[in-house]
N, C-alpha and C. Protein backbone atom coordinates (compact mmCIF):
# COMPACT_ATOMS: atom_id res chain seq x y z
N MET A 1 47.37 8.33 7.27
CA MET A 1 47.72 8.41 5.87
C MET A 1 47.90 7.00 5.31
N PRO A 2 46.99 6.54 4.48
CA PRO A 2 47.16 5.21 3.89
C PRO A 2 48.38 5.16 2.97
N ALA A 3 49.11 4.07 3.07
CA ALA A 3 50.23 3.81 2.18
C ALA A 3 50.15 2.34 1.77
N HIS A 4 50.57 2.06 0.57
CA HIS A 4 50.49 0.69 0.06
C HIS A 4 51.71 0.45 -0.83
N SER A 5 52.34 -0.70 -0.66
CA SER A 5 53.43 -1.14 -1.53
C SER A 5 53.14 -2.56 -1.97
N GLU A 6 53.38 -2.80 -3.23
CA GLU A 6 53.10 -4.13 -3.77
C GLU A 6 54.09 -4.42 -4.89
N THR A 7 54.56 -5.64 -4.95
CA THR A 7 55.40 -6.11 -6.04
C THR A 7 54.77 -7.38 -6.60
N ARG A 8 54.61 -7.39 -7.92
CA ARG A 8 54.03 -8.56 -8.58
C ARG A 8 54.94 -8.97 -9.73
N ARG A 9 55.06 -10.26 -9.89
CA ARG A 9 55.79 -10.80 -11.05
C ARG A 9 54.75 -11.14 -12.10
N LEU A 10 54.95 -10.58 -13.30
CA LEU A 10 54.00 -10.78 -14.39
C LEU A 10 54.74 -11.35 -15.60
N PRO A 11 54.02 -12.05 -16.48
CA PRO A 11 54.65 -12.70 -17.63
C PRO A 11 54.88 -11.76 -18.82
N TYR A 12 54.86 -10.46 -18.59
CA TYR A 12 55.05 -9.47 -19.65
C TYR A 12 56.36 -8.75 -19.43
N THR A 13 56.89 -8.13 -20.48
CA THR A 13 58.16 -7.43 -20.34
C THR A 13 57.97 -6.14 -19.52
N ALA A 14 59.07 -5.66 -18.98
CA ALA A 14 59.03 -4.39 -18.25
C ALA A 14 58.57 -3.28 -19.18
N GLN A 15 58.99 -3.30 -20.44
CA GLN A 15 58.59 -2.26 -21.40
C GLN A 15 57.08 -2.30 -21.65
N GLN A 16 56.52 -3.50 -21.80
CA GLN A 16 55.08 -3.61 -22.02
C GLN A 16 54.31 -3.03 -20.83
N MET A 17 54.73 -3.35 -19.63
CA MET A 17 54.02 -2.87 -18.44
C MET A 17 54.22 -1.36 -18.25
N TYR A 18 55.41 -0.87 -18.55
CA TYR A 18 55.68 0.57 -18.49
C TYR A 18 54.74 1.30 -19.46
N ASP A 19 54.67 0.82 -20.70
CA ASP A 19 53.82 1.45 -21.72
C ASP A 19 52.35 1.47 -21.29
N LEU A 20 51.90 0.37 -20.71
CA LEU A 20 50.51 0.27 -20.27
C LEU A 20 50.20 1.31 -19.18
N VAL A 21 51.05 1.39 -18.16
CA VAL A 21 50.81 2.33 -17.06
C VAL A 21 51.00 3.77 -17.52
N ALA A 22 51.90 4.02 -18.46
CA ALA A 22 52.15 5.37 -18.95
C ALA A 22 51.00 5.92 -19.78
N ASP A 23 50.12 5.07 -20.27
CA ASP A 23 49.00 5.48 -21.13
C ASP A 23 47.81 5.93 -20.28
N VAL A 24 47.98 7.03 -19.58
CA VAL A 24 46.99 7.54 -18.63
C VAL A 24 45.65 7.80 -19.30
N GLY A 25 45.66 8.24 -20.54
CA GLY A 25 44.42 8.53 -21.25
C GLY A 25 43.49 7.34 -21.41
N ASP A 26 44.05 6.12 -21.34
CA ASP A 26 43.24 4.91 -21.47
C ASP A 26 42.68 4.40 -20.15
N TYR A 27 43.04 4.99 -19.02
CA TYR A 27 42.61 4.49 -17.72
C TYR A 27 41.10 4.27 -17.60
N PRO A 28 40.25 5.17 -18.12
CA PRO A 28 38.81 4.93 -17.96
C PRO A 28 38.31 3.65 -18.64
N LYS A 29 39.06 3.12 -19.59
CA LYS A 29 38.65 1.89 -20.28
C LYS A 29 38.74 0.66 -19.39
N PHE A 30 39.59 0.70 -18.35
CA PHE A 30 39.80 -0.53 -17.59
C PHE A 30 40.02 -0.34 -16.09
N LEU A 31 40.26 0.86 -15.64
CA LEU A 31 40.61 1.07 -14.24
C LEU A 31 39.35 1.34 -13.41
N PRO A 32 39.10 0.52 -12.39
CA PRO A 32 37.90 0.73 -11.57
C PRO A 32 37.84 2.13 -10.99
N TRP A 33 36.67 2.65 -10.91
CA TRP A 33 36.37 3.95 -10.29
C TRP A 33 36.92 5.14 -11.06
N THR A 34 37.49 4.92 -12.26
CA THR A 34 38.01 6.02 -13.06
C THR A 34 36.99 6.35 -14.13
N ALA A 35 36.29 7.48 -13.94
CA ALA A 35 35.22 7.87 -14.84
C ALA A 35 35.73 8.62 -16.07
N ALA A 36 36.84 9.35 -15.93
CA ALA A 36 37.36 10.13 -17.06
C ALA A 36 38.84 10.44 -16.83
N ALA A 37 39.54 10.69 -17.93
CA ALA A 37 40.95 11.09 -17.88
C ALA A 37 41.17 12.14 -18.97
N ARG A 38 41.96 13.14 -18.62
CA ARG A 38 42.31 14.19 -19.59
C ARG A 38 43.78 14.53 -19.42
N ILE A 39 44.51 14.51 -20.54
CA ILE A 39 45.91 14.90 -20.52
C ILE A 39 45.94 16.40 -20.82
N ARG A 40 46.36 17.20 -19.84
CA ARG A 40 46.45 18.66 -20.03
C ARG A 40 47.61 19.03 -20.93
N SER A 41 48.77 18.40 -20.68
CA SER A 41 49.96 18.71 -21.47
C SER A 41 50.98 17.60 -21.32
N THR A 42 51.87 17.54 -22.30
CA THR A 42 53.00 16.61 -22.27
C THR A 42 54.23 17.41 -22.70
N THR A 43 55.28 17.38 -21.87
CA THR A 43 56.48 18.16 -22.14
C THR A 43 57.72 17.26 -22.09
N ASP A 44 58.51 17.32 -23.16
CA ASP A 44 59.77 16.56 -23.20
C ASP A 44 60.80 17.32 -22.38
N LYS A 45 61.34 16.66 -21.36
CA LYS A 45 62.34 17.27 -20.47
C LYS A 45 63.73 16.71 -20.73
N GLY A 46 63.93 16.06 -21.87
CA GLY A 46 65.23 15.48 -22.19
C GLY A 46 65.32 14.03 -21.74
N ASP A 47 65.62 13.82 -20.47
CA ASP A 47 65.76 12.45 -19.96
C ASP A 47 64.43 11.85 -19.50
N HIS A 48 63.38 12.68 -19.46
CA HIS A 48 62.06 12.19 -19.07
C HIS A 48 60.98 13.08 -19.68
N THR A 49 59.76 12.62 -19.59
CA THR A 49 58.61 13.38 -20.08
C THR A 49 57.73 13.73 -18.89
N GLU A 50 57.26 14.97 -18.88
CA GLU A 50 56.35 15.39 -17.82
C GLU A 50 54.96 15.55 -18.41
N MET A 51 54.00 14.89 -17.79
CA MET A 51 52.62 14.94 -18.23
C MET A 51 51.78 15.55 -17.11
N LEU A 52 50.92 16.49 -17.44
CA LEU A 52 49.93 16.98 -16.49
C LEU A 52 48.61 16.35 -16.89
N ALA A 53 47.97 15.67 -15.93
CA ALA A 53 46.77 14.90 -16.24
C ALA A 53 45.71 15.09 -15.16
N ASP A 54 44.47 15.01 -15.56
CA ASP A 54 43.33 15.04 -14.64
C ASP A 54 42.61 13.71 -14.71
N LEU A 55 42.24 13.18 -13.55
CA LEU A 55 41.41 11.99 -13.47
C LEU A 55 40.15 12.33 -12.71
N VAL A 56 39.04 11.77 -13.12
CA VAL A 56 37.79 11.86 -12.38
C VAL A 56 37.54 10.49 -11.77
N ILE A 57 37.50 10.46 -10.44
CA ILE A 57 37.28 9.23 -9.69
C ILE A 57 35.84 9.23 -9.18
N SER A 58 35.14 8.15 -9.41
CA SER A 58 33.74 8.05 -9.02
C SER A 58 33.53 6.75 -8.24
N PHE A 59 33.02 6.87 -7.02
CA PHE A 59 32.74 5.70 -6.19
C PHE A 59 31.50 5.99 -5.36
N LYS A 60 30.44 5.24 -5.65
CA LYS A 60 29.15 5.43 -4.98
C LYS A 60 28.74 6.90 -5.05
N VAL A 61 28.60 7.58 -3.91
CA VAL A 61 28.14 8.98 -3.92
C VAL A 61 29.28 9.97 -4.12
N PHE A 62 30.52 9.51 -4.11
CA PHE A 62 31.66 10.40 -4.26
C PHE A 62 32.07 10.50 -5.72
N ARG A 63 32.31 11.71 -6.17
CA ARG A 63 32.84 11.96 -7.52
C ARG A 63 33.80 13.13 -7.38
N GLU A 64 35.07 12.87 -7.61
CA GLU A 64 36.09 13.89 -7.42
C GLU A 64 37.04 13.92 -8.61
N GLN A 65 37.48 15.12 -8.96
CA GLN A 65 38.51 15.29 -9.98
C GLN A 65 39.79 15.72 -9.30
N PHE A 66 40.91 15.19 -9.78
CA PHE A 66 42.19 15.66 -9.26
C PHE A 66 43.22 15.72 -10.37
N GLY A 67 44.15 16.63 -10.20
CA GLY A 67 45.22 16.80 -11.17
C GLY A 67 46.52 16.23 -10.64
N SER A 68 47.34 15.70 -11.55
CA SER A 68 48.62 15.11 -11.19
C SER A 68 49.71 15.52 -12.16
N ARG A 69 50.93 15.53 -11.65
CA ARG A 69 52.13 15.68 -12.47
C ARG A 69 52.74 14.29 -12.58
N VAL A 70 52.78 13.77 -13.78
CA VAL A 70 53.28 12.42 -14.03
C VAL A 70 54.64 12.55 -14.71
N GLN A 71 55.65 11.98 -14.07
CA GLN A 71 57.02 11.99 -14.62
C GLN A 71 57.29 10.60 -15.20
N LEU A 72 57.51 10.54 -16.51
CA LEU A 72 57.77 9.28 -17.21
C LEU A 72 59.27 9.17 -17.47
N TRP A 73 59.90 8.17 -16.87
CA TRP A 73 61.34 7.94 -17.00
C TRP A 73 61.56 6.66 -17.81
N PRO A 74 61.61 6.77 -19.16
CA PRO A 74 61.65 5.56 -19.99
C PRO A 74 62.91 4.72 -19.82
N GLU A 75 64.07 5.33 -19.64
CA GLU A 75 65.31 4.55 -19.48
C GLU A 75 65.28 3.73 -18.19
N GLU A 76 64.76 4.31 -17.14
CA GLU A 76 64.68 3.63 -15.84
C GLU A 76 63.43 2.77 -15.72
N LYS A 77 62.50 2.95 -16.67
CA LYS A 77 61.20 2.29 -16.61
C LYS A 77 60.54 2.56 -15.25
N ARG A 78 60.41 3.85 -14.96
CA ARG A 78 59.81 4.31 -13.71
C ARG A 78 58.81 5.43 -14.02
N ILE A 79 57.71 5.43 -13.28
CA ILE A 79 56.69 6.47 -13.42
C ILE A 79 56.39 7.02 -12.04
N ASP A 80 56.64 8.32 -11.86
CA ASP A 80 56.37 8.99 -10.59
C ASP A 80 55.19 9.93 -10.78
N THR A 81 54.24 9.88 -9.86
CA THR A 81 53.07 10.74 -9.92
C THR A 81 52.98 11.55 -8.65
N ALA A 82 52.79 12.87 -8.82
CA ALA A 82 52.62 13.77 -7.68
C ALA A 82 51.34 14.56 -7.86
N TYR A 83 50.65 14.74 -6.79
CA TYR A 83 49.38 15.45 -6.74
C TYR A 83 49.58 16.94 -7.01
N ILE A 84 48.66 17.54 -7.79
CA ILE A 84 48.67 18.98 -8.03
C ILE A 84 47.48 19.65 -7.34
N ASP A 85 46.26 19.18 -7.67
CA ASP A 85 45.08 19.82 -7.09
C ASP A 85 43.92 18.84 -7.03
N GLY A 86 42.98 19.11 -6.12
CA GLY A 86 41.81 18.26 -5.95
C GLY A 86 41.55 17.95 -4.50
N PRO A 87 41.00 16.78 -4.20
CA PRO A 87 40.51 16.47 -2.86
C PRO A 87 41.56 15.98 -1.86
N PHE A 88 42.81 15.86 -2.29
CA PHE A 88 43.84 15.31 -1.41
C PHE A 88 44.62 16.39 -0.67
N LYS A 89 45.17 16.03 0.50
CA LYS A 89 46.21 16.84 1.12
C LYS A 89 47.50 16.57 0.37
N HIS A 90 47.73 15.29 0.09
CA HIS A 90 48.86 14.89 -0.74
C HIS A 90 48.57 13.51 -1.35
N MET A 91 49.28 13.22 -2.44
CA MET A 91 49.18 11.92 -3.08
C MET A 91 50.43 11.74 -3.93
N ASP A 92 51.16 10.69 -3.66
CA ASP A 92 52.36 10.36 -4.42
C ASP A 92 52.33 8.88 -4.75
N SER A 93 52.74 8.54 -5.96
CA SER A 93 52.85 7.12 -6.30
C SER A 93 54.04 6.92 -7.22
N THR A 94 54.56 5.71 -7.19
CA THR A 94 55.68 5.32 -8.06
C THR A 94 55.43 3.92 -8.58
N TRP A 95 55.62 3.76 -9.87
CA TRP A 95 55.63 2.46 -10.52
C TRP A 95 57.06 2.23 -11.01
N ARG A 96 57.60 1.04 -10.77
CA ARG A 96 58.91 0.65 -11.28
C ARG A 96 58.79 -0.72 -11.93
N PHE A 97 59.46 -0.89 -13.05
CA PHE A 97 59.35 -2.12 -13.83
C PHE A 97 60.74 -2.65 -14.12
N GLU A 98 60.97 -3.94 -13.87
CA GLU A 98 62.27 -4.53 -14.17
C GLU A 98 62.08 -5.91 -14.79
N ASP A 99 62.85 -6.15 -15.84
CA ASP A 99 62.79 -7.46 -16.50
C ASP A 99 63.41 -8.53 -15.61
N VAL A 100 62.82 -9.72 -15.67
CA VAL A 100 63.38 -10.89 -15.00
C VAL A 100 64.12 -11.67 -16.09
N PRO A 101 65.39 -12.05 -15.85
CA PRO A 101 66.14 -12.78 -16.89
C PRO A 101 65.42 -14.06 -17.32
N GLU A 102 65.56 -14.39 -18.60
CA GLU A 102 64.93 -15.61 -19.13
C GLU A 102 65.37 -16.84 -18.34
N ALA A 103 66.62 -16.85 -17.89
CA ALA A 103 67.13 -17.99 -17.11
C ALA A 103 66.36 -18.17 -15.80
N GLU A 104 65.69 -17.10 -15.35
CA GLU A 104 64.89 -17.16 -14.12
C GLU A 104 63.39 -17.21 -14.43
N GLY A 105 63.06 -17.47 -15.69
CA GLY A 105 61.65 -17.61 -16.05
C GLY A 105 61.07 -16.46 -16.84
N GLY A 106 61.81 -15.36 -16.97
CA GLY A 106 61.35 -14.22 -17.77
C GLY A 106 60.23 -13.43 -17.12
N GLY A 107 59.63 -12.57 -17.92
CA GLY A 107 58.58 -11.69 -17.40
C GLY A 107 59.20 -10.47 -16.75
N SER A 108 58.46 -9.88 -15.83
CA SER A 108 58.95 -8.68 -15.16
C SER A 108 58.43 -8.60 -13.74
N LEU A 109 59.13 -7.79 -12.96
CA LEU A 109 58.66 -7.42 -11.63
C LEU A 109 58.07 -6.02 -11.74
N VAL A 110 56.86 -5.88 -11.21
CA VAL A 110 56.17 -4.59 -11.20
C VAL A 110 56.05 -4.16 -9.75
N HIS A 111 56.65 -3.01 -9.45
CA HIS A 111 56.62 -2.46 -8.09
C HIS A 111 55.70 -1.24 -8.09
N PHE A 112 54.77 -1.20 -7.15
CA PHE A 112 53.82 -0.08 -7.04
C PHE A 112 53.81 0.40 -5.60
N ASP A 113 54.03 1.69 -5.41
CA ASP A 113 53.98 2.32 -4.09
C ASP A 113 53.09 3.55 -4.18
N VAL A 114 52.19 3.70 -3.21
CA VAL A 114 51.31 4.88 -3.18
C VAL A 114 51.11 5.31 -1.74
N ASP A 115 50.99 6.62 -1.56
CA ASP A 115 50.76 7.22 -0.25
C ASP A 115 49.88 8.44 -0.48
N PHE A 116 48.76 8.54 0.23
CA PHE A 116 47.90 9.71 0.05
C PHE A 116 47.11 10.00 1.30
N GLU A 117 46.56 11.20 1.33
CA GLU A 117 45.66 11.61 2.40
C GLU A 117 44.64 12.58 1.83
N PHE A 118 43.35 12.31 2.08
CA PHE A 118 42.29 13.21 1.65
C PHE A 118 42.20 14.42 2.59
N ARG A 119 41.75 15.54 2.05
CA ARG A 119 41.47 16.72 2.88
C ARG A 119 40.23 16.46 3.75
N ASN A 120 39.22 15.86 3.16
CA ASN A 120 37.94 15.61 3.81
C ASN A 120 38.07 14.39 4.73
N ARG A 121 37.76 14.57 6.02
CA ARG A 121 37.90 13.47 6.99
C ARG A 121 36.96 12.32 6.69
N LEU A 122 35.76 12.63 6.19
CA LEU A 122 34.81 11.57 5.84
C LEU A 122 35.38 10.69 4.71
N LEU A 123 35.90 11.34 3.67
CA LEU A 123 36.53 10.59 2.58
C LEU A 123 37.73 9.80 3.08
N GLN A 124 38.54 10.41 3.95
CA GLN A 124 39.72 9.73 4.47
C GLN A 124 39.31 8.49 5.27
N GLY A 125 38.26 8.62 6.09
CA GLY A 125 37.78 7.48 6.87
C GLY A 125 37.27 6.37 5.98
N ALA A 126 36.52 6.74 4.95
CA ALA A 126 36.00 5.73 4.01
C ALA A 126 37.15 5.06 3.27
N ALA A 127 38.13 5.84 2.86
CA ALA A 127 39.27 5.28 2.15
C ALA A 127 40.05 4.32 3.04
N GLY A 128 40.20 4.67 4.29
CA GLY A 128 40.95 3.82 5.21
C GLY A 128 40.34 2.45 5.39
N MET A 129 39.01 2.37 5.29
CA MET A 129 38.34 1.10 5.51
C MET A 129 38.59 0.09 4.39
N PHE A 130 38.76 0.57 3.17
CA PHE A 130 38.92 -0.37 2.05
C PHE A 130 40.18 -0.11 1.23
N PHE A 131 41.10 0.66 1.77
CA PHE A 131 42.25 1.12 1.00
C PHE A 131 43.09 -0.01 0.41
N ASN A 132 43.56 -0.94 1.24
CA ASN A 132 44.43 -2.01 0.72
C ASN A 132 43.71 -2.86 -0.32
N GLN A 133 42.45 -3.16 -0.07
CA GLN A 133 41.68 -3.93 -1.05
C GLN A 133 41.55 -3.16 -2.36
N ALA A 134 41.31 -1.85 -2.27
CA ALA A 134 41.17 -1.03 -3.47
C ALA A 134 42.48 -0.99 -4.25
N MET A 135 43.61 -0.85 -3.56
CA MET A 135 44.90 -0.81 -4.24
C MET A 135 45.20 -2.14 -4.93
N GLN A 136 44.87 -3.25 -4.29
CA GLN A 136 45.06 -4.56 -4.91
C GLN A 136 44.16 -4.71 -6.14
N THR A 137 42.94 -4.19 -6.06
CA THR A 137 42.02 -4.22 -7.19
C THR A 137 42.59 -3.42 -8.37
N ILE A 138 43.19 -2.29 -8.09
CA ILE A 138 43.78 -1.46 -9.14
C ILE A 138 44.95 -2.19 -9.80
N VAL A 139 45.82 -2.77 -9.01
CA VAL A 139 46.97 -3.50 -9.58
C VAL A 139 46.47 -4.66 -10.43
N ARG A 140 45.45 -5.38 -9.96
CA ARG A 140 44.89 -6.49 -10.75
C ARG A 140 44.26 -5.99 -12.05
N ALA A 141 43.68 -4.77 -12.03
CA ALA A 141 43.09 -4.21 -13.25
C ALA A 141 44.17 -3.97 -14.30
N PHE A 142 45.35 -3.51 -13.88
CA PHE A 142 46.45 -3.35 -14.83
C PHE A 142 46.89 -4.71 -15.37
N GLU A 143 46.90 -5.71 -14.52
CA GLU A 143 47.29 -7.06 -14.96
C GLU A 143 46.29 -7.59 -15.99
N ARG A 144 44.99 -7.42 -15.74
CA ARG A 144 43.98 -7.86 -16.70
C ARG A 144 44.11 -7.10 -18.03
N ARG A 145 44.41 -5.80 -17.93
CA ARG A 145 44.58 -5.00 -19.15
C ARG A 145 45.77 -5.51 -19.96
N ALA A 146 46.84 -5.89 -19.28
CA ALA A 146 48.00 -6.46 -19.98
C ALA A 146 47.60 -7.74 -20.72
N GLN A 147 46.77 -8.58 -20.09
CA GLN A 147 46.30 -9.80 -20.75
C GLN A 147 45.50 -9.47 -22.01
N GLU A 148 44.66 -8.41 -21.92
CA GLU A 148 43.87 -8.00 -23.07
C GLU A 148 44.76 -7.50 -24.20
N LEU A 149 45.76 -6.69 -23.86
CA LEU A 149 46.61 -6.06 -24.86
C LEU A 149 47.67 -7.00 -25.43
N TYR A 150 48.26 -7.81 -24.57
CA TYR A 150 49.42 -8.60 -24.97
C TYR A 150 49.16 -10.09 -25.04
N GLY A 151 47.97 -10.52 -24.66
CA GLY A 151 47.63 -11.94 -24.69
C GLY A 151 48.08 -12.67 -23.45
N GLN A 152 47.58 -13.88 -23.32
CA GLN A 152 47.92 -14.73 -22.19
C GLN A 152 49.16 -15.53 -22.56
N PRO A 153 50.29 -15.25 -21.92
CA PRO A 153 51.51 -15.99 -22.29
C PRO A 153 51.42 -17.48 -21.96
């Protein structure tokens, strides 16, 4: 089961990065291998919002759709994603965003954790070969998107 954890310090606020990652519908505009995104529903749960979303992932000969339950926690600036249906046995990810005090240079720390396993052994084997590189590529894509949206500080 591939798992990946990464923390990056970026020159953007925690709120800016939270908003960027929470905008699942925009993922096909900038996220590698994301061919399409559809928001099935968004429900206000009081202290958080629950979004049901589908992503279509396309890589070489593989094209798979999967559904996720995305929990948006605005006060905590945390986004939890849990797998609903598609090619995985399981898939969970968490994004956490925290501001760095101006006295320490400002910006924010972005924490990303993901753990998943494909049902198909061939897909799982292929994923295992390039998993860490792919996860780093995804995190860098969010960073580039922040530069596009918020400018180069």
